[in-house]
Amino acid sequence: MKTVNFLIVCLVIAAITAISSCKEDPPYAKISVIDEAKKPVSGVRLAIFAPEGQLDTIYLYTNSAGVAEMEFENENLFQVIAILFDEGIPIKTGTGVLRLQKDVVCEETITIRP
């Protein structure tokens, strides 16, 4: 009888643990920016926006490895414009699309050109 009670308790604990560990991860984006020579570009301004202005525009900058990362609250489709400035003047641009989904890291590579 003690063995049966012990097994029931173990099964209940296992079920609770399994249910609580099924939490979904929020959408996450990793955007890499490269030049025409396929080299990473740092300091690129990324404007991330939903079509038809559904949400406010988000601005990020690429790090020294040419990458910008961000966690989002909801699934959505975003357009991305990448602009490299030199003394306030845009010298290279590129575009991309992010399709954000829960439990998925959306990786997008944008090539910028003059």
N, C-alpha and C. Protein backbone atom coordinates (compact mmCIF):
# COMPACT_ATOMS: atom_id res chain seq x y z
N MET A 1 0.83 -1.19 0.00
CA MET A 1 0.00 0.00 0.00
C MET A 1 0.87 1.26 0.00
N LYS A 2 1.96 1.22 0.77
CA LYS A 2 2.85 2.37 0.82
C LYS A 2 3.51 2.59 -0.55
N THR A 3 3.80 1.50 -1.23
CA THR A 3 4.42 1.61 -2.54
C THR A 3 3.45 2.24 -3.54
N VAL A 4 2.17 1.87 -3.48
CA VAL A 4 1.17 2.44 -4.37
C VAL A 4 1.00 3.93 -4.11
N ASN A 5 0.93 4.32 -2.84
CA ASN A 5 0.81 5.74 -2.50
C ASN A 5 2.04 6.52 -2.98
N PHE A 6 3.22 5.93 -2.81
CA PHE A 6 4.45 6.58 -3.25
C PHE A 6 4.44 6.78 -4.77
N LEU A 7 4.00 5.77 -5.51
CA LEU A 7 3.93 5.87 -6.96
C LEU A 7 2.92 6.93 -7.41
N ILE A 8 1.80 7.01 -6.73
CA ILE A 8 0.78 8.01 -7.06
C ILE A 8 1.34 9.42 -6.83
N VAL A 9 2.02 9.61 -5.71
CA VAL A 9 2.61 10.91 -5.41
C VAL A 9 3.66 11.26 -6.47
N CYS A 10 4.49 10.31 -6.85
CA CYS A 10 5.51 10.54 -7.88
C CYS A 10 4.88 10.92 -9.22
N LEU A 11 3.80 10.24 -9.58
CA LEU A 11 3.11 10.54 -10.84
C LEU A 11 2.49 11.94 -10.82
N VAL A 12 1.92 12.32 -9.70
CA VAL A 12 1.31 13.65 -9.58
C VAL A 12 2.40 14.72 -9.70
N ILE A 13 3.52 14.52 -9.02
CA ILE A 13 4.62 15.48 -9.09
C ILE A 13 5.17 15.56 -10.51
N ALA A 14 5.31 14.43 -11.17
CA ALA A 14 5.81 14.42 -12.55
C ALA A 14 4.84 15.14 -13.49
N ALA A 15 3.56 14.94 -13.30
CA ALA A 15 2.56 15.60 -14.14
C ALA A 15 2.58 17.11 -13.95
N ILE A 16 2.68 17.55 -12.71
CA ILE A 16 2.72 18.99 -12.43
C ILE A 16 3.98 19.60 -13.03
N THR A 17 5.09 18.93 -12.90
CA THR A 17 6.35 19.42 -13.47
C THR A 17 6.27 19.50 -14.99
N ALA A 18 5.70 18.51 -15.62
CA ALA A 18 5.59 18.50 -17.09
C ALA A 18 4.69 19.63 -17.57
N ILE A 19 3.59 19.86 -16.88
CA ILE A 19 2.66 20.91 -17.28
C ILE A 19 3.30 22.28 -17.10
N SER A 20 3.99 22.50 -16.00
CA SER A 20 4.58 23.81 -15.74
C SER A 20 5.78 24.09 -16.64
N SER A 21 6.42 23.06 -17.17
CA SER A 21 7.58 23.28 -18.03
C SER A 21 7.19 23.47 -19.50
N CYS A 22 5.91 23.46 -19.82
CA CYS A 22 5.45 23.65 -21.19
C CYS A 22 5.23 25.11 -21.54
N LYS A 23 5.76 26.02 -20.77
CA LYS A 23 5.59 27.45 -21.02
C LYS A 23 6.29 27.81 -22.33
N GLU A 24 5.61 28.60 -23.16
CA GLU A 24 6.17 28.99 -24.44
C GLU A 24 7.17 30.14 -24.27
N ASP A 25 8.25 30.08 -25.03
CA ASP A 25 9.21 31.18 -25.05
C ASP A 25 8.68 32.28 -25.96
N PRO A 26 8.92 33.54 -25.61
CA PRO A 26 8.46 34.63 -26.48
C PRO A 26 9.25 34.66 -27.78
N PRO A 27 8.69 35.29 -28.81
CA PRO A 27 9.42 35.40 -30.08
C PRO A 27 10.73 36.16 -29.88
N TYR A 28 11.76 35.75 -30.61
CA TYR A 28 13.09 36.34 -30.49
C TYR A 28 13.67 36.51 -31.88
N ALA A 29 14.29 37.65 -32.11
CA ALA A 29 14.88 37.92 -33.42
C ALA A 29 16.38 38.16 -33.30
N LYS A 30 17.12 37.61 -34.25
CA LYS A 30 18.56 37.84 -34.36
C LYS A 30 18.81 38.28 -35.80
N ILE A 31 19.20 39.56 -35.95
CA ILE A 31 19.38 40.14 -37.27
C ILE A 31 20.87 40.39 -37.50
N SER A 32 21.40 39.81 -38.57
CA SER A 32 22.80 40.02 -38.94
C SER A 32 22.84 40.92 -40.17
N VAL A 33 23.80 41.84 -40.18
CA VAL A 33 23.96 42.73 -41.33
C VAL A 33 25.36 42.52 -41.90
N ILE A 34 25.38 42.27 -43.22
CA ILE A 34 26.66 42.06 -43.91
C ILE A 34 26.75 43.01 -45.11
N ASP A 35 27.98 43.20 -45.58
CA ASP A 35 28.16 44.01 -46.79
C ASP A 35 28.25 43.09 -48.00
N GLU A 36 28.53 43.65 -49.14
CA GLU A 36 28.58 42.86 -50.38
C GLU A 36 29.70 41.83 -50.35
N ALA A 37 30.73 42.06 -49.54
CA ALA A 37 31.83 41.11 -49.42
C ALA A 37 31.54 40.05 -48.34
N LYS A 38 30.31 40.02 -47.83
CA LYS A 38 29.85 39.06 -46.82
C LYS A 38 30.51 39.28 -45.44
N LYS A 39 31.00 40.50 -45.18
CA LYS A 39 31.62 40.83 -43.90
C LYS A 39 30.59 41.52 -43.01
N PRO A 40 30.57 41.21 -41.70
CA PRO A 40 29.63 41.86 -40.78
C PRO A 40 29.89 43.36 -40.69
N VAL A 41 28.80 44.11 -40.53
CA VAL A 41 28.90 45.56 -40.46
C VAL A 41 28.33 46.03 -39.12
N SER A 42 29.13 46.74 -38.35
CA SER A 42 28.67 47.26 -37.05
C SER A 42 28.12 48.67 -37.21
N GLY A 43 27.31 49.08 -36.24
CA GLY A 43 26.78 50.45 -36.23
C GLY A 43 25.68 50.72 -37.23
N VAL A 44 25.07 49.68 -37.76
CA VAL A 44 23.98 49.84 -38.73
C VAL A 44 22.68 50.07 -37.96
N ARG A 45 21.93 51.07 -38.36
CA ARG A 45 20.64 51.36 -37.72
C ARG A 45 19.57 50.50 -38.37
N LEU A 46 18.81 49.78 -37.55
CA LEU A 46 17.72 48.93 -38.03
C LEU A 46 16.39 49.55 -37.60
N ALA A 47 15.54 49.81 -38.56
CA ALA A 47 14.18 50.27 -38.28
C ALA A 47 13.26 49.07 -38.49
N ILE A 48 12.60 48.64 -37.43
CA ILE A 48 11.75 47.45 -37.47
C ILE A 48 10.30 47.91 -37.29
N PHE A 49 9.46 47.61 -38.28
CA PHE A 49 8.09 48.10 -38.19
C PHE A 49 7.11 47.09 -38.79
N ALA A 50 5.89 47.13 -38.26
CA ALA A 50 4.82 46.27 -38.76
C ALA A 50 4.19 46.94 -39.98
N PRO A 51 3.73 46.14 -40.94
CA PRO A 51 3.07 46.72 -42.12
C PRO A 51 1.87 47.56 -41.71
N GLU A 52 1.65 48.60 -42.48
CA GLU A 52 0.50 49.49 -42.30
C GLU A 52 0.51 50.20 -40.94
N GLY A 53 1.68 50.34 -40.32
CA GLY A 53 1.80 51.11 -39.09
C GLY A 53 1.02 50.58 -37.91
N GLN A 54 0.86 49.27 -37.82
CA GLN A 54 0.09 48.67 -36.73
C GLN A 54 0.73 48.89 -35.36
N LEU A 55 2.06 48.99 -35.33
CA LEU A 55 2.80 49.17 -34.08
C LEU A 55 3.83 50.27 -34.26
N ASP A 56 4.35 50.79 -33.14
CA ASP A 56 5.42 51.78 -33.22
C ASP A 56 6.67 51.15 -33.82
N THR A 57 7.45 51.96 -34.51
CA THR A 57 8.72 51.51 -35.09
C THR A 57 9.73 51.29 -33.97
N ILE A 58 10.50 50.21 -34.08
CA ILE A 58 11.54 49.87 -33.11
C ILE A 58 12.88 50.13 -33.79
N TYR A 59 13.80 50.78 -33.08
CA TYR A 59 15.13 51.06 -33.63
C TYR A 59 16.19 50.30 -32.84
N LEU A 60 17.05 49.61 -33.56
CA LEU A 60 18.19 48.90 -32.97
C LEU A 60 19.43 49.24 -33.77
N TYR A 61 20.59 48.98 -33.16
CA TYR A 61 21.87 49.12 -33.86
C TYR A 61 22.64 47.81 -33.77
N THR A 62 23.35 47.47 -34.84
CA THR A 62 24.16 46.26 -34.81
C THR A 62 25.39 46.47 -33.94
N ASN A 63 25.82 45.39 -33.29
CA ASN A 63 27.01 45.43 -32.44
C ASN A 63 28.28 45.23 -33.27
N SER A 64 29.41 45.06 -32.60
CA SER A 64 30.69 44.93 -33.32
C SER A 64 30.75 43.68 -34.21
N ALA A 65 29.87 42.70 -33.95
CA ALA A 65 29.80 41.50 -34.77
C ALA A 65 28.77 41.63 -35.89
N GLY A 66 28.17 42.83 -36.03
CA GLY A 66 27.18 43.05 -37.07
C GLY A 66 25.83 42.43 -36.76
N VAL A 67 25.52 42.23 -35.46
CA VAL A 67 24.29 41.54 -35.05
C VAL A 67 23.49 42.42 -34.09
N ALA A 68 22.18 42.39 -34.23
CA ALA A 68 21.25 43.01 -33.29
C ALA A 68 20.24 41.95 -32.88
N GLU A 69 19.93 41.89 -31.58
CA GLU A 69 19.00 40.87 -31.08
C GLU A 69 17.95 41.53 -30.20
N MET A 70 16.75 40.93 -30.21
CA MET A 70 15.67 41.47 -29.38
C MET A 70 14.60 40.41 -29.15
N GLU A 71 14.05 40.44 -27.95
CA GLU A 71 12.90 39.59 -27.61
C GLU A 71 11.64 40.42 -27.79
N PHE A 72 10.62 39.83 -28.39
CA PHE A 72 9.36 40.52 -28.65
C PHE A 72 8.27 39.93 -27.78
N GLU A 73 7.19 40.68 -27.60
CA GLU A 73 6.08 40.21 -26.77
C GLU A 73 5.15 39.26 -27.52
N ASN A 74 4.92 39.54 -28.80
CA ASN A 74 3.91 38.78 -29.55
C ASN A 74 4.44 38.33 -30.91
N GLU A 75 3.76 37.35 -31.45
CA GLU A 75 4.06 36.93 -32.82
C GLU A 75 3.60 38.04 -33.76
N ASN A 76 4.37 38.25 -34.82
CA ASN A 76 4.00 39.29 -35.78
C ASN A 76 4.89 39.18 -37.00
N LEU A 77 4.55 39.94 -38.00
CA LEU A 77 5.35 40.04 -39.21
C LEU A 77 5.89 41.47 -39.25
N PHE A 78 7.21 41.61 -39.38
CA PHE A 78 7.84 42.93 -39.39
C PHE A 78 8.69 43.11 -40.64
N GLN A 79 8.75 44.32 -41.12
CA GLN A 79 9.68 44.70 -42.16
C GLN A 79 10.87 45.37 -41.48
N VAL A 80 12.06 45.20 -42.05
CA VAL A 80 13.28 45.77 -41.48
C VAL A 80 14.00 46.56 -42.55
N ILE A 81 14.37 47.78 -42.21
CA ILE A 81 15.22 48.59 -43.08
C ILE A 81 16.53 48.81 -42.35
N ALA A 82 17.63 48.47 -42.99
CA ALA A 82 18.97 48.64 -42.42
C ALA A 82 19.65 49.81 -43.14
N ILE A 83 20.19 50.75 -42.35
CA ILE A 83 20.85 51.92 -42.94
C ILE A 83 22.18 52.14 -42.24
N LEU A 84 23.24 52.25 -43.04
CA LEU A 84 24.56 52.60 -42.54
C LEU A 84 24.79 54.07 -42.86
N PHE A 85 25.08 54.85 -41.83
CA PHE A 85 25.30 56.29 -41.99
C PHE A 85 26.79 56.61 -41.91
N ASP A 86 27.18 57.66 -42.62
CA ASP A 86 28.52 58.22 -42.50
C ASP A 86 28.33 59.72 -42.33
N GLU A 87 28.62 60.21 -41.13
CA GLU A 87 28.44 61.62 -40.78
C GLU A 87 27.01 62.08 -41.06
N GLY A 88 26.05 61.24 -40.69
CA GLY A 88 24.64 61.58 -40.82
C GLY A 88 24.04 61.36 -42.20
N ILE A 89 24.85 60.91 -43.14
CA ILE A 89 24.35 60.67 -44.50
C ILE A 89 24.27 59.16 -44.74
N PRO A 90 23.10 58.65 -45.18
CA PRO A 90 22.99 57.23 -45.46
C PRO A 90 23.87 56.84 -46.66
N ILE A 91 24.74 55.84 -46.45
CA ILE A 91 25.63 55.43 -47.54
C ILE A 91 25.35 54.02 -48.05
N LYS A 92 24.74 53.19 -47.20
CA LYS A 92 24.36 51.83 -47.62
C LYS A 92 23.04 51.47 -46.96
N THR A 93 22.21 50.72 -47.70
CA THR A 93 20.91 50.30 -47.18
C THR A 93 20.61 48.86 -47.58
N GLY A 94 19.66 48.28 -46.88
CA GLY A 94 19.17 46.94 -47.20
C GLY A 94 17.84 46.72 -46.50
N THR A 95 17.12 45.69 -46.91
CA THR A 95 15.82 45.39 -46.31
C THR A 95 15.70 43.91 -46.01
N GLY A 96 14.77 43.60 -45.10
CA GLY A 96 14.50 42.21 -44.74
C GLY A 96 13.13 42.09 -44.11
N VAL A 97 12.76 40.86 -43.78
CA VAL A 97 11.46 40.58 -43.17
C VAL A 97 11.67 39.64 -41.99
N LEU A 98 10.98 39.93 -40.89
CA LEU A 98 10.99 39.05 -39.72
C LEU A 98 9.61 38.44 -39.55
N ARG A 99 9.53 37.13 -39.48
CA ARG A 99 8.27 36.44 -39.19
C ARG A 99 8.45 35.82 -37.80
N LEU A 100 7.95 36.53 -36.79
CA LEU A 100 8.16 36.12 -35.40
C LEU A 100 7.12 35.10 -34.96
N GLN A 101 7.62 34.04 -34.30
CA GLN A 101 6.77 32.99 -33.76
C GLN A 101 7.27 32.62 -32.37
N LYS A 102 6.35 32.20 -31.52
CA LYS A 102 6.73 31.76 -30.18
C LYS A 102 7.60 30.51 -30.28
N ASP A 103 8.53 30.37 -29.34
CA ASP A 103 9.45 29.22 -29.26
C ASP A 103 10.41 29.12 -30.45
N VAL A 104 10.55 30.21 -31.22
CA VAL A 104 11.42 30.18 -32.40
C VAL A 104 12.32 31.42 -32.39
N VAL A 105 13.60 31.20 -32.68
CA VAL A 105 14.51 32.33 -32.89
C VAL A 105 14.49 32.63 -34.39
N CYS A 106 14.01 33.80 -34.73
CA CYS A 106 13.95 34.22 -36.13
C CYS A 106 15.30 34.83 -36.48
N GLU A 107 16.01 34.20 -37.40
CA GLU A 107 17.32 34.72 -37.82
C GLU A 107 17.20 35.26 -39.23
N GLU A 108 17.59 36.52 -39.40
CA GLU A 108 17.51 37.18 -40.69
C GLU A 108 18.86 37.82 -40.99
N THR A 109 19.35 37.65 -42.21
CA THR A 109 20.58 38.30 -42.64
C THR A 109 20.23 39.30 -43.73
N ILE A 110 20.68 40.53 -43.52
CA ILE A 110 20.42 41.61 -44.47
C ILE A 110 21.75 42.05 -45.09
N THR A 111 21.78 42.12 -46.40
CA THR A 111 22.95 42.63 -47.10
C THR A 111 22.71 44.09 -47.44
N ILE A 112 23.66 44.94 -47.03
CA ILE A 112 23.54 46.36 -47.36
C ILE A 112 24.43 46.70 -48.54
N ARG A 113 23.89 47.59 -49.38
CA ARG A 113 24.60 47.99 -50.61
C ARG A 113 24.50 49.51 -50.75
N PRO A 114 25.42 50.11 -51.54
CA PRO A 114 25.34 51.57 -51.77
C PRO A 114 24.09 51.94 -52.54
